[in-house]
C-alpha atoms as a PDB file:
ATOM      1  CA  MET A   1     -72.210  47.054  -0.676  1.00  0.00           C
ATOM      2  CA  ILE A   2     -69.277  47.896  -2.965  1.00  0.00           C
ATOM      3  CA  LEU A   3     -71.005  46.699  -6.163  1.00  0.00           C
ATOM      4  CA  GLU A   4     -74.064  48.884  -5.741  1.00  0.00           C
ATOM      5  CA  ASN A   5     -72.166  52.152  -5.960  1.00  0.00           C
ATOM      6  CA  ASN A   6     -69.321  51.226  -8.273  1.00  0.00           C
ATOM      7  CA  PRO A   7     -70.153  50.389 -11.898  1.00  0.00           C
ATOM      8  CA  ILE A   8     -66.425  50.072 -12.659  1.00  0.00           C
ATOM      9  CA  ILE A   9     -66.479  46.818 -10.670  1.00  0.00           C
ATOM     10  CA  TYR A  10     -69.271  45.606 -12.970  1.00  0.00           C
ATOM     11  CA  MET A  11     -67.136  46.542 -15.979  1.00  0.00           C
ATOM     12  CA  MET A  12     -64.261  44.544 -14.559  1.00  0.00           C
ATOM     13  CA  LEU A  13     -66.478  41.550 -13.838  1.00  0.00           C
ATOM     14  CA  LEU A  14     -67.852  41.663 -17.379  1.00  0.00           C
ATOM     15  CA  SER A  15     -64.263  41.712 -18.672  1.00  0.00           C
ATOM     16  CA  LEU A  16     -63.530  38.594 -16.635  1.00  0.00           C
ATOM     17  CA  ALA A  17     -66.706  36.750 -17.637  1.00  0.00           C
ATOM     18  CA  PRO A  18     -66.157  34.125 -20.354  1.00  0.00           C
ATOM     19  CA  ILE A  19     -69.166  35.089 -22.457  1.00  0.00           C
ATOM     20  CA  SER A  20     -68.972  38.864 -22.422  1.00  0.00           C
ATOM     21  CA  GLU A  21     -65.257  39.637 -22.038  1.00  0.00           C
ATOM     22  CA  LEU A  22     -64.429  42.863 -23.925  1.00  0.00           C
ATOM     23  CA  ARG A  23     -67.471  42.593 -26.178  1.00  0.00           C
ATOM     24  CA  GLY A  24     -69.746  43.258 -23.215  1.00  0.00           C
ATOM     25  CA  ALA A  25     -67.606  45.274 -20.837  1.00  0.00           C
ATOM     26  CA  ILE A  26     -66.508  48.080 -23.140  1.00  0.00           C
ATOM     27  CA  PRO A  27     -69.990  48.951 -24.477  1.00  0.00           C
ATOM     28  CA  PHE A  28     -71.318  48.758 -20.909  1.00  0.00           C
ATOM     29  CA  GLY A  29     -68.730  51.203 -19.584  1.00  0.00           C
ATOM     30  CA  ILE A  30     -69.079  53.630 -22.477  1.00  0.00           C
ATOM     31  CA  SER A  31     -72.869  53.543 -22.219  1.00  0.00           C
ATOM     32  CA  LEU A  32     -72.570  54.630 -18.588  1.00  0.00           C
ATOM     33  CA  GLY A  33     -70.805  57.782 -19.746  1.00  0.00           C
ATOM     34  CA  TYR A  34     -67.262  56.931 -18.726  1.00  0.00           C
ATOM     35  CA  ASN A  35     -64.389  58.179 -20.876  1.00  0.00           C
ATOM     36  CA  PHE A  36     -63.767  55.608 -23.611  1.00  0.00           C
ATOM     37  CA  ILE A  37     -59.994  55.623 -23.014  1.00  0.00           C
ATOM     38  CA  LEU A  38     -60.473  54.842 -19.319  1.00  0.00           C
ATOM     39  CA  VAL A  39     -63.002  52.116 -20.156  1.00  0.00           C
ATOM     40  CA  TYR A  40     -60.659  50.615 -22.752  1.00  0.00           C
ATOM     41  CA  PHE A  41     -57.683  50.394 -20.388  1.00  0.00           C
ATOM     42  CA  ILE A  42     -59.680  49.073 -17.418  1.00  0.00           C
ATOM     43  CA  CYS A  43     -61.397  46.405 -19.519  1.00  0.00           C
ATOM     44  CA  VAL A  44     -58.328  45.254 -21.467  1.00  0.00           C
ATOM     45  CA  ILE A  45     -56.094  45.055 -18.384  1.00  0.00           C
ATOM     46  CA  THR A  46     -58.783  43.156 -16.484  1.00  0.00           C
ATOM     47  CA  ASN A  47     -59.323  40.827 -19.448  1.00  0.00           C
ATOM     48  CA  LEU A  48     -55.591  40.042 -19.556  1.00  0.00           C
ATOM     49  CA  LEU A  49     -55.855  38.674 -16.009  1.00  0.00           C
ATOM     50  CA  VAL A  50     -57.799  35.785 -17.529  1.00  0.00           C
ATOM     51  CA  ILE A  51     -54.667  34.304 -19.123  1.00  0.00           C
ATOM     52  CA  PRO A  52     -52.809  33.296 -15.943  1.00  0.00           C
ATOM     53  CA  LEU A  53     -56.087  32.328 -14.249  1.00  0.00           C
ATOM     54  CA  VAL A  54     -57.029  29.930 -17.055  1.00  0.00           C
ATOM     55  CA  TYR A  55     -53.519  28.459 -17.198  1.00  0.00           C
ATOM     56  CA  PHE A  56     -53.562  27.931 -13.430  1.00  0.00           C
ATOM     57  CA  PHE A  57     -56.999  26.337 -13.564  1.00  0.00           C
ATOM     58  CA  LEU A  58     -56.182  24.051 -16.487  1.00  0.00           C
ATOM     59  CA  ASN A  59     -52.843  22.944 -15.075  1.00  0.00           C
ATOM     60  CA  HIS A  60     -54.248  22.083 -11.659  1.00  0.00           C
ATOM     61  CA  VAL A  61     -57.649  20.706 -12.640  1.00  0.00           C
ATOM     62  CA  HIS A  62     -56.176  18.665 -15.475  1.00  0.00           C
ATOM     63  CA  THR A  63     -53.560  17.205 -13.119  1.00  0.00           C
ATOM     64  CA  PHE A  64     -56.290  16.333 -10.641  1.00  0.00           C
ATOM     65  CA  PHE A  65     -58.476  14.686 -13.297  1.00  0.00           C
ATOM     66  CA  LEU A  66     -55.562  12.634 -14.635  1.00  0.00           C
ATOM     67  CA  ASN A  67     -55.898  10.607 -11.419  1.00  0.00           C
ATOM     68  CA  ILE A  68     -59.290   9.409 -12.679  1.00  0.00           C
ATOM     69  CA  LYS A  69     -58.792   6.353 -14.858  1.00  0.00           C
ATOM     70  CA  PHE A  70     -61.577   7.122 -17.346  1.00  0.00           C
ATOM     71  CA  TYR A  71     -60.424  10.727 -17.859  1.00  0.00           C
ATOM     72  CA  LYS A  72     -56.802   9.703 -18.276  1.00  0.00           C
ATOM     73  CA  ARG A  73     -57.689   7.048 -20.843  1.00  0.00           C
ATOM     74  CA  LEU A  74     -59.964   9.444 -22.713  1.00  0.00           C
ATOM     75  CA  PHE A  75     -57.424  12.265 -22.658  1.00  0.00           C
ATOM     76  CA  ASN A  76     -54.479  10.111 -23.697  1.00  0.00           C
ATOM     77  CA  TYR A  77     -56.328   8.299 -26.449  1.00  0.00           C
ATOM     78  CA  TYR A  78     -58.664  10.867 -27.926  1.00  0.00           C
ATOM     79  CA  ILE A  79     -57.307  14.307 -27.080  1.00  0.00           C
ATOM     80  CA  GLU A  80     -53.612  13.560 -27.576  1.00  0.00           C
ATOM     81  CA  SER A  81     -54.241  11.848 -30.921  1.00  0.00           C
ATOM     82  CA  LYS A  82     -56.325  14.809 -32.121  1.00  0.00           C
ATOM     83  CA  ARG A  83     -53.636  17.223 -30.969  1.00  0.00           C
ATOM     84  CA  GLU A  84     -50.963  15.355 -32.923  1.00  0.00           C
ATOM     85  CA  LYS A  85     -53.100  15.283 -36.084  1.00  0.00           C
ATOM     86  CA  LEU A  86     -53.883  18.989 -35.844  1.00  0.00           C
ATOM     87  CA  GLU A  87     -50.249  19.906 -35.219  1.00  0.00           C
ATOM     88  CA  ARG A  88     -49.159  17.933 -38.279  1.00  0.00           C
ATOM     89  CA  TYR A  89     -51.896  19.533 -40.364  1.00  0.00           C
ATOM     90  CA  LEU A  90     -51.476  23.117 -39.147  1.00  0.00           C
ATOM     91  CA  GLY A  91     -47.784  23.157 -38.343  1.00  0.00           C
ATOM     92  CA  THR A  92     -46.257  25.534 -35.830  1.00  0.00           C
ATOM     93  CA  LYS A  93     -44.853  28.215 -38.102  1.00  0.00           C
ATOM     94  CA  PHE A  94     -47.707  30.700 -37.784  1.00  0.00           C
ATOM     95  CA  GLU A  95     -49.458  29.492 -34.646  1.00  0.00           C
ATOM     96  CA  LEU A  96     -48.748  32.629 -32.569  1.00  0.00           C
ATOM     97  CA  ILE A  97     -49.939  34.956 -35.333  1.00  0.00           C
ATOM     98  CA  ALA A  98     -53.036  32.812 -35.876  1.00  0.00           C
ATOM     99  CA  LEU A  99     -53.729  32.843 -32.137  1.00  0.00           C
ATOM    100  CA  MET A 100     -53.409  36.634 -32.030  1.00  0.00           C
ATOM    101  CA  PHE A 101     -55.862  37.072 -34.924  1.00  0.00           C
ATOM    102  CA  PHE A 102     -58.223  34.522 -33.390  1.00  0.00           C
ATOM    103  CA  VAL A 103     -58.415  36.547 -30.152  1.00  0.00           C
ATOM    104  CA  ALA A 104     -58.470  39.890 -31.995  1.00  0.00           C
ATOM    105  CA  ILE A 105     -61.728  39.071 -33.776  1.00  0.00           C
ATOM    106  CA  PRO A 106     -64.450  40.225 -31.350  1.00  0.00           C
ATOM    107  CA  LEU A 107     -66.947  37.442 -31.968  1.00  0.00           C
ATOM    108  CA  PRO A 108     -68.456  34.929 -29.549  1.00  0.00           C
ATOM    109  CA  ILE A 109     -65.970  32.203 -28.503  1.00  0.00           C
ATOM    110  CA  THR A 110     -62.960  34.033 -29.943  1.00  0.00           C
ATOM    111  CA  GLY A 111     -61.751  35.739 -26.787  1.00  0.00           C
ATOM    112  CA  VAL A 112     -58.891  35.324 -24.380  1.00  0.00           C
ATOM    113  CA  TYR A 113     -60.514  32.327 -22.647  1.00  0.00           C
ATOM    114  CA  THR A 114     -60.693  30.231 -25.794  1.00  0.00           C
ATOM    115  CA  GLY A 115     -57.287  31.439 -26.967  1.00  0.00           C
ATOM    116  CA  THR A 116     -55.683  30.414 -23.686  1.00  0.00           C
ATOM    117  CA  VAL A 117     -57.363  27.002 -23.775  1.00  0.00           C
ATOM    118  CA  LEU A 118     -56.118  26.484 -27.332  1.00  0.00           C
ATOM    119  CA  ALA A 119     -52.590  27.528 -26.368  1.00  0.00           C
ATOM    120  CA  TRP A 120     -52.657  25.130 -23.425  1.00  0.00           C
ATOM    121  CA  PHE A 121     -54.088  22.371 -25.597  1.00  0.00           C
ATOM    122  CA  PHE A 122     -51.316  22.750 -28.179  1.00  0.00           C
ATOM    123  CA  LYS A 123     -48.648  23.082 -25.469  1.00  0.00           C
ATOM    124  CA  MET A 124     -47.462  26.413 -26.801  1.00  0.00           C
ATOM    125  CA  ASN A 125     -44.724  28.417 -25.096  1.00  0.00           C
ATOM    126  CA  LYS A 126     -46.385  30.369 -22.263  1.00  0.00           C
ATOM    127  CA  LYS A 127     -44.370  33.576 -22.616  1.00  0.00           C
ATOM    128  CA  GLU A 128     -44.886  33.781 -26.377  1.00  0.00           C
ATOM    129  CA  THR A 129     -48.528  32.844 -25.943  1.00  0.00           C
ATOM    130  CA  TYR A 130     -49.058  35.524 -23.310  1.00  0.00           C
ATOM    131  CA  PHE A 131     -47.669  38.132 -25.709  1.00  0.00           C
ATOM    132  CA  SER A 132     -49.784  36.868 -28.599  1.00  0.00           C
ATOM    133  CA  LEU A 133     -52.974  36.714 -26.515  1.00  0.00           C
ATOM    134  CA  SER A 134     -52.288  40.172 -25.069  1.00  0.00           C
ATOM    135  CA  LEU A 135     -51.810  41.678 -28.518  1.00  0.00           C
ATOM    136  CA  GLY A 136     -55.027  40.011 -29.683  1.00  0.00           C
ATOM    137  CA  ALA A 137     -56.941  41.410 -26.687  1.00  0.00           C
ATOM    138  CA  ILE A 138     -55.530  44.897 -27.313  1.00  0.00           C
ATOM    139  CA  ILE A 139     -56.669  44.757 -30.944  1.00  0.00           C
ATOM    140  CA  ALA A 140     -60.088  43.352 -29.971  1.00  0.00           C
ATOM    141  CA  GLY A 141     -60.482  46.164 -27.435  1.00  0.00           C
ATOM    142  CA  ILE A 142     -59.702  48.761 -30.100  1.00  0.00           C
ATOM    143  CA  ILE A 143     -62.222  47.193 -32.484  1.00  0.00           C
ATOM    144  CA  VAL A 144     -64.981  46.964 -29.854  1.00  0.00           C
ATOM    145  CA  THR A 145     -64.336  50.519 -28.631  1.00  0.00           C
ATOM    146  CA  THR A 146     -64.410  51.884 -32.178  1.00  0.00           C
ATOM    147  CA  ILE A 147     -67.621  50.047 -33.067  1.00  0.00           C
ATOM    148  CA  THR A 148     -69.242  51.199 -29.815  1.00  0.00           C
ATOM    149  CA  LEU A 149     -68.279  54.836 -30.379  1.00  0.00           C
ATOM    150  CA  ILE A 150     -69.495  54.727 -33.996  1.00  0.00           C
ATOM    151  CA  SER A 151     -72.764  53.144 -32.875  1.00  0.00           C
ATOM    152  CA  ILE A 152     -73.333  55.721 -30.165  1.00  0.00           C
ATOM    153  CA  SER A 153     -72.502  58.653 -32.453  1.00  0.00           C
ATOM    154  CA  GLY A 154     -74.840  57.241 -35.121  1.00  0.00           C
ATOM    155  CA  TYR A 155     -77.578  56.845 -32.541  1.00  0.00           C
ATOM    156  CA  ASN A 156     -77.065  60.397 -31.279  1.00  0.00           C
ATOM    157  CA  TYR A 157     -77.128  61.685 -34.859  1.00  0.00           C
ATOM    158  CA  LEU A 158     -80.477  59.996 -35.492  1.00  0.00           C
ATOM    159  CA  MET A 159     -82.018  61.361 -32.315  1.00  0.00           C
END
């Protein structure tokens, strides 16, 4: 089977997984002994594939669920009213920069998945959002790679 002999596929799958994303894939690849630059590029590029996948999923699933009366009522009443309140409170001046920083922080629930859902929720421009999310993922990848390399070198120093 292709997965048994190819750990790069596992790295890519970890990059696509909502929980691990770059925070799991990059340390995994580096720990296997792959060049950190190769690991970084494979994981970040794979993680960026999440953006169009999530948009596609949300657009089609949401459209399907709008045919259900309860969902439509709930979405129109609760979600739309919350969106309007948040947009008035936050404004739209710095939303792309905020989104980039949100994705760039490599903590649980601050990855490309959540960033894309937030962008969809606030009906942000897709092209601008894609750029902002991509920049955030690039920065997050740099942070995770740096922390992983520092951790490994510290571990090797202690041993």
